[in-house]
């Protein structure tokens, strides 16, 4: 009986990492979140969308990741109200990467919010 149990466990061992993978939430489950000032931006998401005409396979940023120019250019968004984005908290700023706005910490580059552009 023990050899049978041992053999079964040995056969399942290679599948263990796949079974332990966290579930990834679908991008289309994003919600629209107005801020207290009444600004309403696009859908908030946990990650940026992939691909555009100029760069079909860009890096997909996720909340909690640090932004880097090594993954492509991003532009500072000075007029955040024009794009219906909430006022960035002190020490943060909005940047545009592909078709997404990312709220990042000025010093660390940590992404705290991602909003899809309209």
PDB file of N, CA and C in Angstrom:
ATOM      1  N   UNK A   1       0.822  -1.200   0.000  1.00  0.00           N
ATOM      2  CA  UNK A   1       0.000   0.000   0.000  1.00  0.00           C
ATOM      3  C   UNK A   1       0.869   1.268   0.000  1.00  0.00           C
ATOM      4  N   UNK A   2       1.949   1.267   0.794  1.00  0.00           N
ATOM      5  CA  UNK A   2       2.821   2.440   0.854  1.00  0.00           C
ATOM      6  C   UNK A   2       3.495   2.724  -0.490  1.00  0.00           C
ATOM      7  N   UNK A   3       3.961   1.726  -1.231  1.00  0.00           N
ATOM      8  CA  UNK A   3       4.562   2.021  -2.533  1.00  0.00           C
ATOM      9  C   UNK A   3       3.568   2.689  -3.485  1.00  0.00           C
ATOM     10  N   UNK A   4       2.300   2.319  -3.396  1.00  0.00           N
ATOM     11  CA  UNK A   4       1.274   2.920  -4.259  1.00  0.00           C
ATOM     12  C   UNK A   4       1.075   4.396  -3.905  1.00  0.00           C
ATOM     13  N   UNK A   5       1.007   4.703  -2.632  1.00  0.00           N
ATOM     14  CA  UNK A   5       0.856   6.099  -2.197  1.00  0.00           C
ATOM     15  C   UNK A   5       2.086   6.902  -2.604  1.00  0.00           C
ATOM     16  N   UNK A   6       3.257   6.355  -2.382  1.00  0.00           N
ATOM     17  CA  UNK A   6       4.498   7.031  -2.750  1.00  0.00           C
ATOM     18  C   UNK A   6       4.557   7.294  -4.252  1.00  0.00           C
ATOM     19  N   UNK A   7       4.191   6.317  -5.051  1.00  0.00           N
ATOM     20  CA  UNK A   7       4.201   6.473  -6.508  1.00  0.00           C
ATOM     21  C   UNK A   7       3.215   7.549  -6.944  1.00  0.00           C
ATOM     22  N   UNK A   8       2.065   7.606  -6.315  1.00  0.00           N
ATOM     23  CA  UNK A   8       1.058   8.629  -6.650  1.00  0.00           C
ATOM     24  C   UNK A   8       1.594  10.019  -6.325  1.00  0.00           C
ATOM     25  N   UNK A   9       2.209  10.170  -5.158  1.00  0.00           N
ATOM     26  CA  UNK A   9       2.762  11.473  -4.778  1.00  0.00           C
ATOM     27  C   UNK A   9       3.885  11.901  -5.715  1.00  0.00           C
ATOM     28  N   UNK A  10       4.726  10.978  -6.101  1.00  0.00           N
ATOM     29  CA  UNK A  10       5.824  11.287  -7.018  1.00  0.00           C
ATOM     30  C   UNK A  10       5.267  11.741  -8.368  1.00  0.00           C
ATOM     31  N   UNK A  11       4.181  11.133  -8.814  1.00  0.00           N
ATOM     32  CA  UNK A  11       3.572  11.526 -10.099  1.00  0.00           C
ATOM     33  C   UNK A  11       2.952  12.913 -10.021  1.00  0.00           C
ATOM     34  N   UNK A  12       2.415  13.307  -8.866  1.00  0.00           N
ATOM     35  CA  UNK A  12       1.778  14.614  -8.714  1.00  0.00           C
ATOM     36  C   UNK A  12       2.777  15.731  -8.451  1.00  0.00           C
ATOM     37  N   UNK A  13       3.968  15.419  -8.033  1.00  0.00           N
ATOM     38  CA  UNK A  13       4.972  16.421  -7.684  1.00  0.00           C
ATOM     39  C   UNK A  13       5.223  17.452  -8.792  1.00  0.00           C
ATOM     40  N   UNK A  14       5.394  17.056 -10.061  1.00  0.00           N
ATOM     41  CA  UNK A  14       5.621  18.077 -11.105  1.00  0.00           C
ATOM     42  C   UNK A  14       4.431  19.023 -11.295  1.00  0.00           C
ATOM     43  N   UNK A  15       3.226  18.617 -10.939  1.00  0.00           N
ATOM     44  CA  UNK A  15       2.044  19.461 -11.132  1.00  0.00           C
ATOM     45  C   UNK A  15       1.828  20.430  -9.979  1.00  0.00           C
ATOM     46  N   UNK A  16       2.538  20.284  -8.884  1.00  0.00           N
ATOM     47  CA  UNK A  16       2.316  21.117  -7.701  1.00  0.00           C
ATOM     48  C   UNK A  16       2.467  22.612  -7.972  1.00  0.00           C
ATOM     49  N   UNK A  17       3.519  23.090  -8.659  1.00  0.00           N
ATOM     50  CA  UNK A  17       3.611  24.534  -8.897  1.00  0.00           C
ATOM     51  C   UNK A  17       2.415  25.081  -9.669  1.00  0.00           C
ATOM     52  N   UNK A  18       1.910  24.358 -10.620  1.00  0.00           N
ATOM     53  CA  UNK A  18       0.749  24.824 -11.392  1.00  0.00           C
ATOM     54  C   UNK A  18      -0.489  24.896 -10.520  1.00  0.00           C
ATOM     55  N   UNK A  19      -0.624  23.990  -9.600  1.00  0.00           N
ATOM     56  CA  UNK A  19      -1.781  23.995  -8.718  1.00  0.00           C
ATOM     57  C   UNK A  19      -1.719  25.129  -7.707  1.00  0.00           C
ATOM     58  N   UNK A  20      -0.530  25.611  -7.411  1.00  0.00           N
ATOM     59  CA  UNK A  20      -0.358  26.659  -6.415  1.00  0.00           C
ATOM     60  C   UNK A  20      -0.425  28.063  -7.005  1.00  0.00           C
ATOM     61  N   UNK A  21      -0.575  28.209  -8.315  1.00  0.00           N
ATOM     62  CA  UNK A  21      -0.618  29.523  -8.949  1.00  0.00           C
ATOM     63  C   UNK A  21      -1.848  30.295  -8.495  1.00  0.00           C
ATOM     64  N   UNK A  22      -1.699  31.602  -8.196  1.00  0.00           N
ATOM     65  CA  UNK A  22      -2.860  32.391  -7.801  1.00  0.00           C
ATOM     66  C   UNK A  22      -3.788  32.624  -8.991  1.00  0.00           C
ATOM     67  N   UNK A  23      -5.033  32.827  -8.709  1.00  0.00           N
ATOM     68  CA  UNK A  23      -6.017  33.119  -9.747  1.00  0.00           C
ATOM     69  C   UNK A  23      -5.847  34.563 -10.183  1.00  0.00           C
ATOM     70  N   UNK A  24      -5.841  34.799 -11.479  1.00  0.00           N
ATOM     71  CA  UNK A  24      -5.705  36.151 -12.011  1.00  0.00           C
ATOM     72  C   UNK A  24      -7.085  36.659 -12.385  1.00  0.00           C
ATOM     73  N   UNK A  25      -7.424  37.838 -11.866  1.00  0.00           N
ATOM     74  CA  UNK A  25      -8.732  38.418 -12.144  1.00  0.00           C
ATOM     75  C   UNK A  25      -8.762  38.952 -13.567  1.00  0.00           C
ATOM     76  N   UNK A  26      -9.847  38.717 -14.256  1.00  0.00           N
ATOM     77  CA  UNK A  26      -9.982  39.178 -15.640  1.00  0.00           C
ATOM     78  C   UNK A  26      -9.962  40.692 -15.697  1.00  0.00           C
ATOM     79  N   UNK A  27      -9.370  41.256 -16.759  1.00  0.00           N
ATOM     80  CA  UNK A  27      -9.282  42.695 -16.923  1.00  0.00           C
ATOM     81  C   UNK A  27     -10.649  43.350 -17.063  1.00  0.00           C
ATOM     82  N   UNK A  28     -11.605  42.667 -17.644  1.00  0.00           N
ATOM     83  CA  UNK A  28     -12.902  43.295 -17.886  1.00  0.00           C
ATOM     84  C   UNK A  28     -13.752  43.380 -16.634  1.00  0.00           C
ATOM     85  N   UNK A  29     -13.238  42.970 -15.471  1.00  0.00           N
ATOM     86  CA  UNK A  29     -13.954  43.124 -14.211  1.00  0.00           C
ATOM     87  C   UNK A  29     -13.662  44.471 -13.573  1.00  0.00           C
ATOM     88  N   UNK A  30     -13.006  45.365 -14.303  1.00  0.00           N
ATOM     89  CA  UNK A  30     -12.628  46.665 -13.765  1.00  0.00           C
ATOM     90  C   UNK A  30     -13.871  47.491 -13.475  1.00  0.00           C
ATOM     91  N   UNK A  31     -13.751  48.405 -12.526  1.00  0.00           N
ATOM     92  CA  UNK A  31     -14.866  49.259 -12.155  1.00  0.00           C
ATOM     93  C   UNK A  31     -14.485  50.711 -12.335  1.00  0.00           C
ATOM     94  N   UNK A  32     -15.473  51.571 -12.443  1.00  0.00           N
ATOM     95  CA  UNK A  32     -15.249  53.006 -12.546  1.00  0.00           C
ATOM     96  C   UNK A  32     -15.422  53.582 -11.156  1.00  0.00           C
ATOM     97  N   UNK A  33     -14.415  54.332 -10.687  1.00  0.00           N
ATOM     98  CA  UNK A  33     -14.432  54.863  -9.331  1.00  0.00           C
ATOM     99  C   UNK A  33     -14.320  56.383  -9.360  1.00  0.00           C
ATOM    100  N   UNK A  34     -15.405  57.101  -9.016  1.00  0.00           N
ATOM    101  CA  UNK A  34     -15.283  58.558  -8.949  1.00  0.00           C
ATOM    102  C   UNK A  34     -14.536  58.957  -7.681  1.00  0.00           C
ATOM    103  N   UNK A  35     -13.809  60.058  -7.736  1.00  0.00           N
ATOM    104  CA  UNK A  35     -13.152  60.526  -6.524  1.00  0.00           C
ATOM    105  C   UNK A  35     -14.087  61.506  -5.810  1.00  0.00           C
ATOM    106  N   UNK A  36     -13.761  61.929  -4.584  1.00  0.00           N
ATOM    107  CA  UNK A  36     -14.658  62.813  -3.828  1.00  0.00           C
ATOM    108  C   UNK A  36     -14.964  64.127  -4.531  1.00  0.00           C
ATOM    109  N   UNK A  37     -14.061  64.599  -5.406  1.00  0.00           N
ATOM    110  CA  UNK A  37     -14.296  65.856  -6.114  1.00  0.00           C
ATOM    111  C   UNK A  37     -15.250  65.677  -7.292  1.00  0.00           C
ATOM    112  N   UNK A  38     -15.674  64.452  -7.576  1.00  0.00           N
ATOM    113  CA  UNK A  38     -16.607  64.200  -8.657  1.00  0.00           C
ATOM    114  C   UNK A  38     -15.951  63.840  -9.973  1.00  0.00           C
ATOM    115  N   UNK A  39     -14.616  63.775 -10.014  1.00  0.00           N
ATOM    116  CA  UNK A  39     -13.954  63.377 -11.250  1.00  0.00           C
ATOM    117  C   UNK A  39     -14.286  61.930 -11.559  1.00  0.00           C
ATOM    118  N   UNK A  40     -14.467  61.618 -12.814  1.00  0.00           N
ATOM    119  CA  UNK A  40     -14.778  60.254 -13.215  1.00  0.00           C
ATOM    120  C   UNK A  40     -13.871  59.889 -14.378  1.00  0.00           C
ATOM    121  N   UNK A  41     -12.960  58.992 -14.132  1.00  0.00           N
ATOM    122  CA  UNK A  41     -12.035  58.575 -15.185  1.00  0.00           C
ATOM    123  C   UNK A  41     -12.530  57.280 -15.794  1.00  0.00           C
ATOM    124  N   UNK A  42     -11.704  56.664 -16.616  1.00  0.00           N
ATOM    125  CA  UNK A  42     -12.058  55.385 -17.221  1.00  0.00           C
ATOM    126  C   UNK A  42     -12.025  54.266 -16.199  1.00  0.00           C
ATOM    127  N   UNK A  43     -12.081  53.044 -16.683  1.00  0.00           N
ATOM    128  CA  UNK A  43     -12.087  51.878 -15.812  1.00  0.00           C
ATOM    129  C   UNK A  43     -10.768  51.748 -15.074  1.00  0.00           C
ATOM    130  N   UNK A  44     -10.847  51.516 -13.777  1.00  0.00           N
ATOM    131  CA  UNK A  44      -9.655  51.253 -12.988  1.00  0.00           C
ATOM    132  C   UNK A  44      -9.345  49.774 -13.138  1.00  0.00           C
ATOM    133  N   UNK A  45      -8.085  49.447 -13.211  1.00  0.00           N
ATOM    134  CA  UNK A  45      -7.688  48.080 -13.462  1.00  0.00           C
ATOM    135  C   UNK A  45      -6.476  47.736 -12.615  1.00  0.00           C
ATOM    136  N   UNK A  46      -6.208  46.464 -12.477  1.00  0.00           N
ATOM    137  CA  UNK A  46      -5.025  46.022 -11.748  1.00  0.00           C
ATOM    138  C   UNK A  46      -3.812  45.904 -12.647  1.00  0.00           C
ATOM    139  N   UNK A  47      -4.001  46.077 -13.965  1.00  0.00           N
ATOM    140  CA  UNK A  47      -2.865  45.997 -14.879  1.00  0.00           C
ATOM    141  C   UNK A  47      -3.158  46.799 -16.137  1.00  0.00           C
ATOM    142  N   UNK A  48      -2.090  47.157 -16.840  1.00  0.00           N
ATOM    143  CA  UNK A  48      -2.247  47.900 -18.085  1.00  0.00           C
ATOM    144  C   UNK A  48      -2.671  46.941 -19.192  1.00  0.00           C
ATOM    145  N   UNK A  49      -3.244  47.498 -20.248  1.00  0.00           N
ATOM    146  CA  UNK A  49      -3.616  46.663 -21.385  1.00  0.00           C
ATOM    147  C   UNK A  49      -2.374  46.392 -22.225  1.00  0.00           C
ATOM    148  N   UNK A  50      -2.424  45.369 -23.018  1.00  0.00           N
ATOM    149  CA  UNK A  50      -1.269  45.027 -23.837  1.00  0.00           C
ATOM    150  C   UNK A  50      -1.456  45.465 -25.267  1.00  0.00           C
ATOM    151  N   UNK A  51      -0.374  45.841 -25.899  1.00  0.00           N
ATOM    152  CA  UNK A  51      -0.347  46.093 -27.333  1.00  0.00           C
ATOM    153  C   UNK A  51      -0.946  47.400 -27.791  1.00  0.00           C
ATOM    154  N   UNK A  52      -0.326  47.977 -28.762  1.00  0.00           N
ATOM    155  CA  UNK A  52      -0.858  49.098 -29.525  1.00  0.00           C
ATOM    156  C   UNK A  52      -0.199  49.045 -30.893  1.00  0.00           C
ATOM    157  N   UNK A  53      -0.600  49.940 -31.781  1.00  0.00           N
ATOM    158  CA  UNK A  53      -0.112  49.880 -33.162  1.00  0.00           C
ATOM    159  C   UNK A  53       1.411  50.038 -33.252  1.00  0.00           C
ATOM    160  N   UNK A  54       1.989  50.892 -32.398  1.00  0.00           N
ATOM    161  CA  UNK A  54       3.429  51.155 -32.460  1.00  0.00           C
ATOM    162  C   UNK A  54       4.259  50.089 -31.749  1.00  0.00           C
ATOM    163  N   UNK A  55       3.685  49.463 -30.762  1.00  0.00           N
ATOM    164  CA  UNK A  55       4.430  48.499 -29.953  1.00  0.00           C
ATOM    165  C   UNK A  55       3.478  47.360 -29.597  1.00  0.00           C
ATOM    166  N   UNK A  56       3.381  46.333 -30.437  1.00  0.00           N
ATOM    167  CA  UNK A  56       2.357  45.307 -30.266  1.00  0.00           C
ATOM    168  C   UNK A  56       2.478  44.459 -29.008  1.00  0.00           C
ATOM    169  N   UNK A  57       3.623  44.438 -28.361  1.00  0.00           N
ATOM    170  CA  UNK A  57       3.758  43.620 -27.154  1.00  0.00           C
ATOM    171  C   UNK A  57       4.508  44.374 -26.061  1.00  0.00           C
ATOM    172  N   UNK A  58       3.933  45.492 -25.534  1.00  0.00           N
ATOM    173  CA  UNK A  58       4.635  46.235 -24.499  1.00  0.00           C
ATOM    174  C   UNK A  58       4.566  45.500 -23.161  1.00  0.00           C
ATOM    175  N   UNK A  59       5.339  45.982 -22.224  1.00  0.00           N
ATOM    176  CA  UNK A  59       5.290  45.422 -20.875  1.00  0.00           C
ATOM    177  C   UNK A  59       3.906  45.689 -20.287  1.00  0.00           C
ATOM    178  N   UNK A  60       3.370  44.738 -19.568  1.00  0.00           N
ATOM    179  CA  UNK A  60       2.083  44.926 -18.899  1.00  0.00           C
ATOM    180  C   UNK A  60       2.379  45.217 -17.440  1.00  0.00           C
ATOM    181  N   UNK A  61       2.154  46.490 -17.043  1.00  0.00           N
ATOM    182  CA  UNK A  61       2.373  46.891 -15.664  1.00  0.00           C
ATOM    183  C   UNK A  61       1.205  46.436 -14.801  1.00  0.00           C
ATOM    184  N   UNK A  62       1.501  46.170 -13.541  1.00  0.00           N
ATOM    185  CA  UNK A  62       0.484  45.799 -12.559  1.00  0.00           C
ATOM    186  C   UNK A  62       0.611  46.721 -11.354  1.00  0.00           C
ATOM    187  N   UNK A  63      -0.493  46.924 -10.629  1.00  0.00           N
ATOM    188  CA  UNK A  63      -0.436  47.694  -9.394  1.00  0.00           C
ATOM    189  C   UNK A  63       0.606  47.072  -8.482  1.00  0.00           C
ATOM    190  N   UNK A  64       1.374  47.928  -7.820  1.00  0.00           N
ATOM    191  CA  UNK A  64       2.402  47.447  -6.909  1.00  0.00           C
ATOM    192  C   UNK A  64       3.759  47.268  -7.571  1.00  0.00           C
ATOM    193  N   UNK A  65       3.800  47.386  -8.889  1.00  0.00           N
ATOM    194  CA  UNK A  65       5.060  47.278  -9.626  1.00  0.00           C
ATOM    195  C   UNK A  65       5.672  48.678  -9.740  1.00  0.00           C
ATOM    196  N   UNK A  66       6.950  48.764 -10.028  1.00  0.00           N
ATOM    197  CA  UNK A  66       7.631  50.041 -10.224  1.00  0.00           C
ATOM    198  C   UNK A  66       7.755  50.321 -11.723  1.00  0.00           C
ATOM    199  N   UNK A  67       7.457  51.546 -12.118  1.00  0.00           N
ATOM    200  CA  UNK A  67       7.548  51.933 -13.523  1.00  0.00           C
ATOM    201  C   UNK A  67       9.017  52.119 -13.904  1.00  0.00           C
ATOM    202  N   UNK A  68       9.340  51.807 -15.162  1.00  0.00           N
ATOM    203  CA  UNK A  68      10.723  51.912 -15.628  1.00  0.00           C
ATOM    204  C   UNK A  68      10.748  52.310 -17.098  1.00  0.00           C
ATOM    205  N   UNK A  69      11.633  53.201 -17.448  1.00  0.00           N
ATOM    206  CA  UNK A  69      11.771  53.611 -18.851  1.00  0.00           C
ATOM    207  C   UNK A  69      12.319  52.471 -19.714  1.00  0.00           C
ATOM    208  N   UNK A  70      12.891  51.458 -19.098  1.00  0.00           N
ATOM    209  CA  UNK A  70      13.415  50.342 -19.877  1.00  0.00           C
ATOM    210  C   UNK A  70      12.293  49.556 -20.568  1.00  0.00           C
ATOM    211  N   UNK A  71      11.049  49.728 -20.125  1.00  0.00           N
ATOM    212  CA  UNK A  71       9.913  49.054 -20.764  1.00  0.00           C
ATOM    213  C   UNK A  71       9.225  49.941 -21.797  1.00  0.00           C
ATOM    214  N   UNK A  72       9.737  51.142 -22.012  1.00  0.00           N
ATOM    215  CA  UNK A  72       9.140  52.044 -22.986  1.00  0.00           C
ATOM    216  C   UNK A  72       8.871  53.406 -22.375  1.00  0.00           C
ATOM    217  N   UNK A  73       8.595  54.339 -23.248  1.00  0.00           N
ATOM    218  CA  UNK A  73       8.392  55.720 -22.824  1.00  0.00           C
ATOM    219  C   UNK A  73       7.047  55.902 -22.132  1.00  0.00           C
ATOM    220  N   UNK A  74       7.018  56.835 -21.207  1.00  0.00           N
ATOM    221  CA  UNK A  74       5.773  57.267 -20.590  1.00  0.00           C
ATOM    222  C   UNK A  74       5.853  58.779 -20.436  1.00  0.00           C
ATOM    223  N   UNK A  75       4.708  59.436 -20.469  1.00  0.00           N
ATOM    224  CA  UNK A  75       4.657  60.888 -20.421  1.00  0.00           C
ATOM    225  C   UNK A  75       3.964  61.351 -19.152  1.00  0.00           C
ATOM    226  N   UNK A  76       4.494  62.417 -18.535  1.00  0.00           N
ATOM    227  CA  UNK A  76       3.826  63.015 -17.381  1.00  0.00           C
ATOM    228  C   UNK A  76       2.510  63.634 -17.830  1.00  0.00           C
ATOM    229  N   UNK A  77       1.491  63.495 -17.007  1.00  0.00           N
ATOM    230  CA  UNK A  77       0.183  64.091 -17.284  1.00  0.00           C
ATOM    231  C   UNK A  77       0.046  65.287 -16.348  1.00  0.00           C
ATOM    232  N   UNK A  78       0.263  66.494 -16.892  1.00  0.00           N
ATOM    233  CA  UNK A  78       0.194  67.712 -16.085  1.00  0.00           C
ATOM    234  C   UNK A  78      -1.258  68.131 -15.838  1.00  0.00           C
ATOM    235  N   UNK A  79      -2.103  67.995 -16.874  1.00  0.00           N
ATOM    236  CA  UNK A  79      -3.496  68.440 -16.781  1.00  0.00           C
ATOM    237  C   UNK A  79      -4.410  67.251 -16.468  1.00  0.00           C
ATOM    238  N   UNK A  80      -4.229  66.657 -15.283  1.00  0.00           N
ATOM    239  CA  UNK A  80      -4.993  65.461 -14.901  1.00  0.00           C
ATOM    240  C   UNK A  80      -6.491  65.710 -14.889  1.00  0.00           C
ATOM    241  N   UNK A  81      -6.932  66.929 -14.546  1.00  0.00           N
ATOM    242  CA  UNK A  81      -8.370  67.231 -14.503  1.00  0.00           C
ATOM    243  C   UNK A  81      -8.981  67.177 -15.903  1.00  0.00           C
ATOM    244  N   UNK A  82      -8.211  67.561 -16.919  1.00  0.00           N
ATOM    245  CA  UNK A  82      -8.689  67.520 -18.305  1.00  0.00           C
ATOM    246  C   UNK A  82      -9.044  66.092 -18.721  1.00  0.00           C
ATOM    247  N   UNK A  83      -8.369  65.121 -18.157  1.00  0.00           N
ATOM    248  CA  UNK A  83      -8.606  63.710 -18.481  1.00  0.00           C
ATOM    249  C   UNK A  83      -9.503  63.035 -17.448  1.00  0.00           C
ATOM    250  N   UNK A  84     -10.158  63.842 -16.619  1.00  0.00           N
ATOM    251  CA  UNK A  84     -11.081  63.360 -15.578  1.00  0.00           C
ATOM    252  C   UNK A  84     -10.413  62.414 -14.592  1.00  0.00           C
ATOM    253  N   UNK A  85      -9.154  62.665 -14.317  1.00  0.00           N
ATOM    254  CA  UNK A  85      -8.433  61.879 -13.324  1.00  0.00           C
ATOM    255  C   UNK A  85      -8.485  62.610 -11.993  1.00  0.00           C
ATOM    256  N   UNK A  86      -8.456  61.860 -10.899  1.00  0.00           N
ATOM    257  CA  UNK A  86      -8.473  62.487  -9.578  1.00  0.00           C
ATOM    258  C   UNK A  86      -7.155  63.226  -9.333  1.00  0.00           C
ATOM    259  N   UNK A  87      -7.202  64.192  -8.440  1.00  0.00           N
ATOM    260  CA  UNK A  87      -5.987  64.927  -8.078  1.00  0.00           C
ATOM    261  C   UNK A  87      -5.009  63.930  -7.463  1.00  0.00           C
ATOM    262  N   UNK A  88      -3.771  63.901  -7.953  1.00  0.00           N
ATOM    263  CA  UNK A  88      -2.807  62.957  -7.359  1.00  0.00           C
ATOM    264  C   UNK A  88      -2.478  63.367  -5.927  1.00  0.00           C
ATOM    265  N   UNK A  89      -2.386  62.411  -5.028  1.00  0.00           N
ATOM    266  CA  UNK A  89      -1.994  62.748  -3.655  1.00  0.00           C
ATOM    267  C   UNK A  89      -0.610  63.395  -3.637  1.00  0.00           C
ATOM    268  N   UNK A  90      -0.306  64.109  -2.587  1.00  0.00           N
ATOM    269  CA  UNK A  90       1.009  64.729  -2.444  1.00  0.00           C
ATOM    270  C   UNK A  90       2.091  63.662  -2.566  1.00  0.00           C
ATOM    271  N   UNK A  91       3.077  63.936  -3.398  1.00  0.00           N
ATOM    272  CA  UNK A  91       4.171  62.993  -3.605  1.00  0.00           C
ATOM    273  C   UNK A  91       3.900  61.984  -4.702  1.00  0.00           C
ATOM    274  N   UNK A  92       2.767  62.145  -5.407  1.00  0.00           N
ATOM    275  CA  UNK A  92       2.416  61.244  -6.511  1.00  0.00           C
ATOM    276  C   UNK A  92       2.135  62.056  -7.763  1.00  0.00           C
ATOM    277  N   UNK A  93       2.104  61.382  -8.893  1.00  0.00           N
ATOM    278  CA  UNK A  93       1.766  62.034 -10.158  1.00  0.00           C
ATOM    279  C   UNK A  93       1.187  61.007 -11.117  1.00  0.00           C
ATOM    280  N   UNK A  94       0.467  61.508 -12.116  1.00  0.00           N
ATOM    281  CA  UNK A  94      -0.078  60.668 -13.181  1.00  0.00           C
ATOM    282  C   UNK A  94       0.892  60.654 -14.347  1.00  0.00           C
ATOM    283  N   UNK A  95       1.068  59.487 -14.962  1.00  0.00           N
ATOM    284  CA  UNK A  95       1.820  59.363 -16.203  1.00  0.00           C
ATOM    285  C   UNK A  95       0.959  58.565 -17.174  1.00  0.00           C
ATOM    286  N   UNK A  96       1.208  58.759 -18.470  1.00  0.00           N
ATOM    287  CA  UNK A  96       0.491  57.987 -19.484  1.00  0.00           C
ATOM    288  C   UNK A  96       1.461  56.990 -20.102  1.00  0.00           C
ATOM    289  N   UNK A  97       1.049  55.728 -20.115  1.00  0.00           N
ATOM    290  CA  UNK A  97       1.828  54.652 -20.724  1.00  0.00           C
ATOM    291  C   UNK A  97       0.884  53.905 -21.652  1.00  0.00           C
ATOM    292  N   UNK A  98       1.140  53.987 -22.953  1.00  0.00           N
ATOM    293  CA  UNK A  98       0.230  53.347 -23.916  1.00  0.00           C
ATOM    294  C   UNK A  98      -1.146  53.955 -23.820  1.00  0.00           C
ATOM    295  N   UNK A  99      -2.163  53.129 -23.604  1.00  0.00           N
ATOM    296  CA  UNK A  99      -3.546  53.594 -23.481  1.00  0.00           C
ATOM    297  C   UNK A  99      -3.991  53.646 -22.027  1.00  0.00           C
ATOM    298  N   UNK A 100      -3.055  53.852 -21.111  1.00  0.00           N
ATOM    299  CA  UNK A 100      -3.360  53.818 -19.687  1.00  0.00           C
ATOM    300  C   UNK A 100      -2.737  54.994 -18.960  1.00  0.00           C
ATOM    301  N   UNK A 101      -3.419  55.426 -17.890  1.00  0.00           N
ATOM    302  CA  UNK A 101      -2.860  56.408 -16.971  1.00  0.00           C
ATOM    303  C   UNK A 101      -2.440  55.650 -15.719  1.00  0.00           C
ATOM    304  N   UNK A 102      -1.218  55.909 -15.250  1.00  0.00           N
ATOM    305  CA  UNK A 102      -0.702  55.245 -14.062  1.00  0.00           C
ATOM    306  C   UNK A 102      -0.431  56.296 -13.003  1.00  0.00           C
ATOM    307  N   UNK A 103      -0.936  56.071 -11.801  1.00  0.00           N
ATOM    308  CA  UNK A 103      -0.650  56.942 -10.672  1.00  0.00           C
ATOM    309  C   UNK A 103       0.573  56.364  -9.974  1.00  0.00           C
ATOM    310  N   UNK A 104       1.664  57.142  -9.968  1.00  0.00           N
ATOM    311  CA  UNK A 104       2.922  56.624  -9.425  1.00  0.00           C
ATOM    312  C   UNK A 104       3.460  57.528  -8.322  1.00  0.00           C
ATOM    313  N   UNK A 105       4.230  56.934  -7.426  1.00  0.00           N
ATOM    314  CA  UNK A 105       4.928  57.673  -6.388  1.00  0.00           C
ATOM    315  C   UNK A 105       6.118  58.388  -7.032  1.00  0.00           C
ATOM    316  N   UNK A 106       6.290  59.681  -6.727  1.00  0.00           N
ATOM    317  CA  UNK A 106       7.365  60.464  -7.345  1.00  0.00           C
ATOM    318  C   UNK A 106       8.751  59.902  -7.078  1.00  0.00           C
ATOM    319  N   UNK A 107       9.002  59.432  -5.881  1.00  0.00           N
ATOM    320  CA  UNK A 107      10.354  58.981  -5.522  1.00  0.00           C
ATOM    321  C   UNK A 107      10.622  57.545  -5.937  1.00  0.00           C
ATOM    322  N   UNK A 108       9.695  56.649  -5.640  1.00  0.00           N
ATOM    323  CA  UNK A 108       9.966  55.225  -5.883  1.00  0.00           C
ATOM    324  C   UNK A 108       9.466  54.722  -7.238  1.00  0.00           C
ATOM    325  N   UNK A 109       8.484  55.419  -7.842  1.00  0.00           N
ATOM    326  CA  UNK A 109       7.901  54.948  -9.093  1.00  0.00           C
ATOM    327  C   UNK A 109       6.890  53.826  -8.897  1.00  0.00           C
ATOM    328  N   UNK A 110       6.489  53.574  -7.643  1.00  0.00           N
ATOM    329  CA  UNK A 110       5.519  52.529  -7.332  1.00  0.00           C
ATOM    330  C   UNK A 110       4.146  52.886  -7.899  1.00  0.00           C
ATOM    331  N   UNK A 111       3.522  51.957  -8.626  1.00  0.00           N
ATOM    332  CA  UNK A 111       2.214  52.188  -9.244  1.00  0.00           C
ATOM    333  C   UNK A 111       1.124  51.878  -8.223  1.00  0.00           C
ATOM    334  N   UNK A 112       0.274  52.886  -7.934  1.00  0.00           N
ATOM    335  CA  UNK A 112      -0.800  52.678  -6.967  1.00  0.00           C
ATOM    336  C   UNK A 112      -2.177  52.623  -7.619  1.00  0.00           C
ATOM    337  N   UNK A 113      -2.297  53.072  -8.873  1.00  0.00           N
ATOM    338  CA  UNK A 113      -3.584  52.994  -9.580  1.00  0.00           C
ATOM    339  C   UNK A 113      -3.327  52.974 -11.080  1.00  0.00           C
ATOM    340  N   UNK A 114      -4.204  52.312 -11.794  1.00  0.00           N
ATOM    341  CA  UNK A 114      -4.134  52.252 -13.261  1.00  0.00           C
ATOM    342  C   UNK A 114      -5.525  52.545 -13.799  1.00  0.00           C
ATOM    343  N   UNK A 115      -5.613  53.509 -14.716  1.00  0.00           N
ATOM    344  CA  UNK A 115      -6.886  53.894 -15.317  1.00  0.00           C
ATOM    345  C   UNK A 115      -6.746  53.808 -16.834  1.00  0.00           C
ATOM    346  N   UNK A 116      -7.670  53.110 -17.461  1.00  0.00           N
ATOM    347  CA  UNK A 116      -7.670  53.006 -18.926  1.00  0.00           C
ATOM    348  C   UNK A 116      -8.154  54.326 -19.511  1.00  0.00           C
ATOM    349  N   UNK A 117      -7.474  54.798 -20.572  1.00  0.00           N
ATOM    350  CA  UNK A 117      -7.898  56.052 -21.198  1.00  0.00           C
ATOM    351  C   UNK A 117      -9.165  55.808 -22.008  1.00  0.00           C
ATOM    352  N   UNK A 118      -9.985  56.828 -22.026  1.00  0.00           N
ATOM    353  CA  UNK A 118     -11.307  56.783 -22.621  1.00  0.00           C
ATOM    354  C   UNK A 118     -11.401  56.240 -23.953  1.00  0.00           C
TER     355      UNK A 118
END
